[in-house]
Amino acid sequence: MKIKVSLFLKIYFATTIGLSILAVIFISVFLYRYLYQAITQTSIIYNLKLELAVEPVDLELFNKIQVRIKDKQNPPEINWPTIKNPFVGVLPPPAEKTTSP
C-alpha cells in the first residue's frame, strides 16, 4: 500500500508542477498580447498624433493638383500627319573628297 501512495504522490506532484508551468506560460502570453502590446501601440499612436500636421488641407487646391496629375498621366494623342517635318528641305552634308595615294 505504501508503494502505491508514493507513486500517486509523485504523479500528483509532477502533474501539479506541469499545470502550474502551463498556467504561468498562458498568463504571460495573455498579458503580453493584450496588455503590453496594447500599451505600446497606444504610445506609438499618441506619438504619431503629436507629429501630425496642424494646418488644414486646402481641398480645392488639392483637387486641382490631382486633375493636373491625371492629365499628365494621360496625355492627348498626337496627330502625326499634321506635324511638320523639320528635316524636309535640309540639304545633306557635302561628300568629302578622298585622295588615293
Protein backbone atom coordinates (compact mmCIF):
# COMPACT_ATOMS: atom_id res chain seq x y z
CA MET A 1 0.00 0.00 0.00
CA LYS A 2 2.85 2.37 0.74
CA ILE A 3 4.28 1.98 -2.75
CA LYS A 4 1.01 2.95 -4.42
CA VAL A 5 0.63 6.10 -2.31
CA SER A 6 4.19 7.16 -3.05
CA LEU A 7 3.63 6.64 -6.79
CA PHE A 8 0.37 8.58 -6.59
CA LEU A 9 2.10 11.49 -4.83
CA LYS A 10 4.86 11.58 -7.45
CA ILE A 11 2.35 11.67 -10.28
CA TYR A 12 0.23 14.26 -8.45
CA PHE A 13 3.31 16.41 -7.78
CA ALA A 14 4.52 16.18 -11.40
CA THR A 15 1.04 16.98 -12.73
CA THR A 16 0.70 19.96 -10.38
CA ILE A 17 4.09 21.34 -11.40
CA GLY A 18 3.31 20.83 -15.10
CA LEU A 19 -0.07 22.55 -14.86
CA SER A 20 1.45 25.40 -12.86
CA ILE A 21 4.12 25.94 -15.53
CA LEU A 22 1.48 25.87 -18.28
CA ALA A 23 -0.64 28.37 -16.34
CA VAL A 24 2.31 30.75 -15.92
CA ILE A 25 3.14 30.48 -19.64
CA PHE A 26 -0.51 31.09 -20.60
CA ILE A 27 -0.80 34.10 -18.30
CA SER A 28 2.48 35.53 -19.58
CA VAL A 29 1.43 35.21 -23.22
CA PHE A 30 -2.01 36.64 -22.47
CA LEU A 31 -0.61 39.65 -20.65
CA TYR A 32 1.98 40.25 -23.35
CA ARG A 33 -0.56 40.15 -26.20
CA TYR A 34 -3.44 42.01 -24.65
CA LEU A 35 -1.78 44.35 -22.19
CA TYR A 36 1.82 45.12 -23.14
CA GLN A 37 1.27 45.30 -26.90
CA ALA A 38 -1.85 47.41 -26.46
CA ILE A 39 0.01 49.89 -24.26
CA THR A 40 2.91 50.01 -26.72
CA GLN A 41 0.61 50.61 -29.69
CA THR A 42 -1.22 53.31 -27.74
CA SER A 43 2.03 55.15 -27.06
CA ILE A 44 3.01 54.85 -30.74
CA ILE A 45 -0.35 56.30 -31.82
CA TYR A 46 0.00 59.11 -29.30
CA ASN A 47 3.47 60.00 -30.62
CA LEU A 48 2.21 59.93 -34.22
CA LYS A 49 -0.67 62.25 -33.35
CA LEU A 50 1.84 64.74 -31.97
CA GLU A 51 3.70 64.72 -35.31
CA LEU A 52 0.52 65.28 -37.30
CA ALA A 53 0.23 68.45 -39.36
CA VAL A 54 -1.86 71.10 -37.71
CA GLU A 55 -2.68 73.03 -40.87
CA PRO A 56 -5.95 72.18 -42.61
CA VAL A 57 -5.74 70.93 -46.18
CA ASP A 58 -7.00 73.21 -48.95
CA LEU A 59 -9.30 70.75 -50.73
CA GLU A 60 -9.86 72.97 -53.76
CA LEU A 61 -6.12 73.23 -54.43
CA PHE A 62 -5.69 69.51 -53.74
CA ASN A 63 -8.37 68.63 -56.31
CA LYS A 64 -6.79 70.93 -58.91
CA ILE A 65 -3.41 69.27 -58.42
CA GLN A 66 -4.98 65.83 -58.73
CA VAL A 67 -6.62 66.80 -62.01
CA ARG A 68 -3.30 68.12 -63.37
CA ILE A 69 -1.50 64.94 -62.39
CA LYS A 70 -4.15 62.81 -64.12
CA ASP A 71 -3.88 64.99 -67.23
CA LYS A 72 -0.12 64.49 -67.31
CA GLN A 73 -0.51 60.76 -66.93
CA ASN A 74 -2.99 60.59 -69.83
CA PRO A 75 -1.70 62.99 -72.50
CA PRO A 76 -3.77 63.58 -75.65
CA GLU A 77 -2.94 61.53 -78.72
CA ILE A 78 -0.63 63.13 -81.28
CA ASN A 79 -1.92 63.59 -84.82
CA TRP A 80 1.30 62.83 -86.71
CA PRO A 81 0.18 63.85 -90.22
CA THR A 82 -0.44 67.43 -89.08
CA ILE A 83 3.05 67.85 -87.61
CA LYS A 84 5.57 69.49 -89.93
CA ASN A 85 8.78 67.54 -90.53
CA PRO A 86 11.71 69.84 -89.64
CA PHE A 87 14.12 67.82 -91.80
CA VAL A 88 12.32 68.37 -95.11
CA GLY A 89 14.33 70.65 -97.36
CA VAL A 90 17.58 70.30 -95.44
CA LEU A 91 20.46 69.51 -97.74
CA PRO A 92 22.70 66.60 -96.86
CA PRO A 93 26.30 67.47 -95.95
CA PRO A 94 28.73 67.55 -98.89
CA ALA A 95 30.65 64.37 -99.55
CA GLU A 96 34.29 64.54 -98.60
CA LYS A 97 36.90 64.08 -101.27
CA THR A 98 39.15 61.17 -100.75
CA THR A 99 42.62 61.16 -102.18
CA SER A 100 44.30 57.98 -103.20
CA PRO A 101 47.98 57.55 -102.60
